[in-house]
N, C-alpha and C. Protein backbone atom coordinates (compact mmCIF):
# COMPACT_ATOMS: atom_id res chain seq x y z
N MET A 1 -17.85 -18.58 -53.72
CA MET A 1 -16.90 -18.55 -52.63
C MET A 1 -17.62 -18.26 -51.32
N ALA A 2 -17.18 -18.93 -50.32
CA ALA A 2 -17.77 -18.74 -49.00
C ALA A 2 -17.14 -17.52 -48.35
N ARG A 3 -17.97 -16.81 -47.64
CA ARG A 3 -17.48 -15.64 -46.93
C ARG A 3 -17.28 -16.00 -45.47
N TYR A 4 -16.14 -15.64 -44.98
CA TYR A 4 -15.84 -15.90 -43.58
C TYR A 4 -15.86 -14.59 -42.83
N CYS A 5 -16.57 -14.58 -41.76
CA CYS A 5 -16.68 -13.37 -40.94
C CYS A 5 -16.05 -13.67 -39.58
N ILE A 6 -15.08 -12.89 -39.23
CA ILE A 6 -14.43 -13.06 -37.93
C ILE A 6 -15.08 -12.09 -36.96
N ARG A 7 -15.69 -12.64 -35.93
CA ARG A 7 -16.32 -11.82 -34.92
C ARG A 7 -15.41 -11.69 -33.71
N MET A 8 -15.14 -10.47 -33.34
CA MET A 8 -14.26 -10.27 -32.19
C MET A 8 -15.10 -10.09 -30.94
N ASP A 9 -14.82 -10.88 -29.96
CA ASP A 9 -15.51 -10.77 -28.69
C ASP A 9 -15.15 -9.44 -28.03
N ALA A 10 -16.09 -8.85 -27.32
CA ALA A 10 -15.84 -7.57 -26.66
C ALA A 10 -14.74 -7.69 -25.60
N ARG A 11 -14.63 -8.84 -25.00
CA ARG A 11 -13.60 -9.04 -23.98
C ARG A 11 -12.20 -9.02 -24.59
N ILE A 12 -12.07 -9.62 -25.76
CA ILE A 12 -10.77 -9.61 -26.45
C ILE A 12 -10.41 -8.19 -26.87
N GLY A 13 -11.41 -7.45 -27.35
CA GLY A 13 -11.16 -6.06 -27.74
C GLY A 13 -10.70 -5.21 -26.57
N MET A 14 -11.34 -5.39 -25.42
CA MET A 14 -10.94 -4.63 -24.22
C MET A 14 -9.54 -5.03 -23.77
N THR A 15 -9.21 -6.29 -23.90
CA THR A 15 -7.87 -6.75 -23.53
C THR A 15 -6.81 -6.10 -24.42
N VAL A 16 -7.09 -6.00 -25.71
CA VAL A 16 -6.15 -5.36 -26.63
C VAL A 16 -5.99 -3.88 -26.30
N VAL A 17 -7.08 -3.21 -25.99
CA VAL A 17 -7.02 -1.79 -25.64
C VAL A 17 -6.22 -1.58 -24.36
N VAL A 18 -6.47 -2.39 -23.35
CA VAL A 18 -5.74 -2.26 -22.08
C VAL A 18 -4.26 -2.56 -22.29
N ALA A 19 -3.94 -3.59 -23.07
CA ALA A 19 -2.54 -3.91 -23.34
C ALA A 19 -1.85 -2.75 -24.07
N GLY A 20 -2.55 -2.12 -24.99
CA GLY A 20 -1.99 -0.96 -25.69
C GLY A 20 -1.73 0.21 -24.75
N LEU A 21 -2.68 0.46 -23.86
CA LEU A 21 -2.49 1.55 -22.89
C LEU A 21 -1.33 1.26 -21.94
N VAL A 22 -1.20 0.01 -21.52
CA VAL A 22 -0.08 -0.37 -20.66
C VAL A 22 1.24 -0.15 -21.38
N LEU A 23 1.31 -0.50 -22.65
CA LEU A 23 2.55 -0.30 -23.41
C LEU A 23 2.87 1.19 -23.57
N VAL A 24 1.85 2.02 -23.77
CA VAL A 24 2.07 3.46 -23.88
C VAL A 24 2.60 4.02 -22.57
N VAL A 25 1.98 3.64 -21.45
CA VAL A 25 2.43 4.12 -20.14
C VAL A 25 3.85 3.64 -19.86
N LEU A 26 4.13 2.38 -20.16
CA LEU A 26 5.48 1.85 -19.95
C LEU A 26 6.50 2.60 -20.81
N GLY A 27 6.15 2.90 -22.03
CA GLY A 27 7.04 3.67 -22.90
C GLY A 27 7.31 5.07 -22.35
N LEU A 28 6.28 5.71 -21.81
CA LEU A 28 6.47 7.04 -21.21
C LEU A 28 7.35 6.98 -19.97
N VAL A 29 7.16 5.94 -19.16
CA VAL A 29 7.99 5.77 -17.95
C VAL A 29 9.45 5.56 -18.35
N ILE A 30 9.69 4.73 -19.35
CA ILE A 30 11.06 4.48 -19.79
C ILE A 30 11.67 5.74 -20.38
N ALA A 31 10.90 6.49 -21.17
CA ALA A 31 11.42 7.71 -21.78
C ALA A 31 11.74 8.77 -20.73
N ALA A 32 10.98 8.78 -19.64
CA ALA A 32 11.21 9.76 -18.57
C ALA A 32 12.32 9.34 -17.62
N GLY A 33 12.87 8.14 -17.82
CA GLY A 33 13.95 7.68 -16.96
C GLY A 33 13.46 7.05 -15.67
N GLY A 34 12.22 6.61 -15.65
CA GLY A 34 11.63 6.03 -14.45
C GLY A 34 12.13 4.64 -14.12
N LEU A 35 12.85 4.00 -15.03
CA LEU A 35 13.37 2.66 -14.76
C LEU A 35 14.89 2.70 -14.57
N GLY A 36 15.38 3.74 -13.95
CA GLY A 36 16.80 3.85 -13.70
C GLY A 36 17.32 2.81 -12.71
N TRP A 37 16.42 2.25 -11.92
CA TRP A 37 16.80 1.23 -10.94
C TRP A 37 16.98 -0.13 -11.58
N PHE A 38 16.45 -0.33 -12.78
CA PHE A 38 16.49 -1.64 -13.42
C PHE A 38 17.94 -2.04 -13.71
N GLY A 39 18.34 -3.20 -13.19
CA GLY A 39 19.71 -3.68 -13.36
C GLY A 39 20.66 -3.21 -12.28
N ARG A 40 20.13 -2.48 -11.28
CA ARG A 40 21.00 -1.97 -10.22
C ARG A 40 20.58 -2.43 -8.83
N LEU A 41 19.71 -3.42 -8.75
CA LEU A 41 19.30 -3.95 -7.45
C LEU A 41 20.41 -4.86 -6.90
N PRO A 42 20.41 -5.13 -5.59
CA PRO A 42 21.49 -5.93 -5.00
C PRO A 42 21.67 -7.33 -5.60
N GLY A 43 20.62 -7.95 -6.12
CA GLY A 43 20.75 -9.29 -6.68
C GLY A 43 21.14 -9.34 -8.14
N ASP A 44 21.33 -8.17 -8.76
CA ASP A 44 21.70 -8.12 -10.18
C ASP A 44 23.21 -8.26 -10.33
N LEU A 45 23.62 -9.00 -11.34
CA LEU A 45 25.05 -9.22 -11.59
C LEU A 45 25.53 -8.32 -12.72
N ARG A 46 26.69 -7.71 -12.51
CA ARG A 46 27.31 -6.88 -13.55
C ARG A 46 28.76 -7.27 -13.71
N PHE A 47 29.14 -7.52 -14.94
CA PHE A 47 30.53 -7.84 -15.27
C PHE A 47 31.00 -6.85 -16.32
N SER A 48 32.20 -6.33 -16.13
CA SER A 48 32.75 -5.44 -17.14
C SER A 48 34.25 -5.66 -17.23
N GLY A 49 34.71 -5.57 -18.45
CA GLY A 49 36.13 -5.72 -18.69
C GLY A 49 36.46 -5.24 -20.10
N GLY A 50 37.34 -4.32 -20.19
CA GLY A 50 37.70 -3.79 -21.50
C GLY A 50 36.53 -3.07 -22.14
N ASN A 51 36.17 -3.51 -23.34
CA ASN A 51 35.07 -2.88 -24.06
C ASN A 51 33.75 -3.63 -23.90
N VAL A 52 33.70 -4.60 -23.01
CA VAL A 52 32.52 -5.43 -22.85
C VAL A 52 31.91 -5.21 -21.47
N ARG A 53 30.58 -5.04 -21.45
CA ARG A 53 29.86 -4.94 -20.19
C ARG A 53 28.63 -5.84 -20.28
N VAL A 54 28.48 -6.74 -19.30
CA VAL A 54 27.37 -7.68 -19.28
C VAL A 54 26.58 -7.45 -17.99
N ILE A 55 25.26 -7.28 -18.14
CA ILE A 55 24.39 -7.09 -16.99
C ILE A 55 23.37 -8.22 -16.99
N VAL A 56 23.28 -8.94 -15.87
CA VAL A 56 22.31 -10.02 -15.71
C VAL A 56 21.37 -9.61 -14.56
N PRO A 57 20.19 -9.07 -14.89
CA PRO A 57 19.31 -8.50 -13.86
C PRO A 57 18.40 -9.54 -13.19
N PHE A 58 18.97 -10.43 -12.39
CA PHE A 58 18.18 -11.46 -11.71
C PHE A 58 17.12 -10.86 -10.79
N ALA A 59 17.53 -10.00 -9.89
CA ALA A 59 16.60 -9.43 -8.89
C ALA A 59 15.56 -8.53 -9.56
N SER A 60 15.97 -7.77 -10.54
CA SER A 60 15.03 -6.89 -11.24
C SER A 60 13.95 -7.69 -11.95
N MET A 61 14.33 -8.75 -12.64
CA MET A 61 13.36 -9.57 -13.35
C MET A 61 12.46 -10.33 -12.38
N LEU A 62 13.00 -10.74 -11.24
CA LEU A 62 12.20 -11.40 -10.23
C LEU A 62 11.13 -10.45 -9.68
N LEU A 63 11.52 -9.22 -9.44
CA LEU A 63 10.58 -8.21 -8.95
C LEU A 63 9.50 -7.92 -9.99
N ILE A 64 9.87 -7.77 -11.24
CA ILE A 64 8.90 -7.50 -12.30
C ILE A 64 7.96 -8.70 -12.47
N SER A 65 8.48 -9.90 -12.38
CA SER A 65 7.65 -11.10 -12.48
C SER A 65 6.64 -11.17 -11.35
N LEU A 66 7.06 -10.83 -10.15
CA LEU A 66 6.16 -10.84 -9.00
C LEU A 66 5.05 -9.81 -9.17
N VAL A 67 5.40 -8.61 -9.59
CA VAL A 67 4.40 -7.55 -9.77
C VAL A 67 3.41 -7.94 -10.87
N LEU A 68 3.91 -8.44 -12.00
CA LEU A 68 3.02 -8.84 -13.09
C LEU A 68 2.11 -10.00 -12.68
N SER A 69 2.63 -10.94 -11.92
CA SER A 69 1.81 -12.05 -11.44
C SER A 69 0.68 -11.57 -10.54
N LEU A 70 0.98 -10.62 -9.66
CA LEU A 70 -0.05 -10.07 -8.78
C LEU A 70 -1.10 -9.30 -9.57
N VAL A 71 -0.68 -8.51 -10.54
CA VAL A 71 -1.62 -7.73 -11.35
C VAL A 71 -2.52 -8.66 -12.17
N LEU A 72 -1.93 -9.67 -12.79
CA LEU A 72 -2.72 -10.60 -13.58
C LEU A 72 -3.68 -11.41 -12.70
N ALA A 73 -3.26 -11.75 -11.50
CA ALA A 73 -4.15 -12.47 -10.57
C ALA A 73 -5.34 -11.60 -10.18
N LEU A 74 -5.10 -10.30 -10.00
CA LEU A 74 -6.21 -9.39 -9.69
C LEU A 74 -7.16 -9.27 -10.86
N PHE A 75 -6.65 -9.19 -12.08
CA PHE A 75 -7.51 -9.10 -13.26
C PHE A 75 -8.31 -10.40 -13.45
N ARG A 76 -7.71 -11.52 -13.12
CA ARG A 76 -8.38 -12.80 -13.27
C ARG A 76 -9.56 -12.90 -12.30
N CYS A 77 -9.44 -12.29 -11.12
CA CYS A 77 -10.52 -12.31 -10.14
C CYS A 77 -11.70 -11.44 -10.57
N LEU A 78 -11.44 -10.44 -11.38
CA LEU A 78 -12.53 -9.55 -11.82
C LEU A 78 -13.27 -10.25 -12.88
């Protein structure tokens, strides 16, 4: 039987570590209530009636997309 060895590039390993740290920090921010503004910006839509409440966070997702795009562009330049 042939043996297959998977070699992980150091760059991929660092990417996984950074992604894990980002998820931990994001989890701590959410647990601390740091995202209380999410879904409450002026461009977000909220509908409620009876026992149903629907939130469509257009402006919040646009802001998060912009921030993530800027961060990823900075990492790409490095």
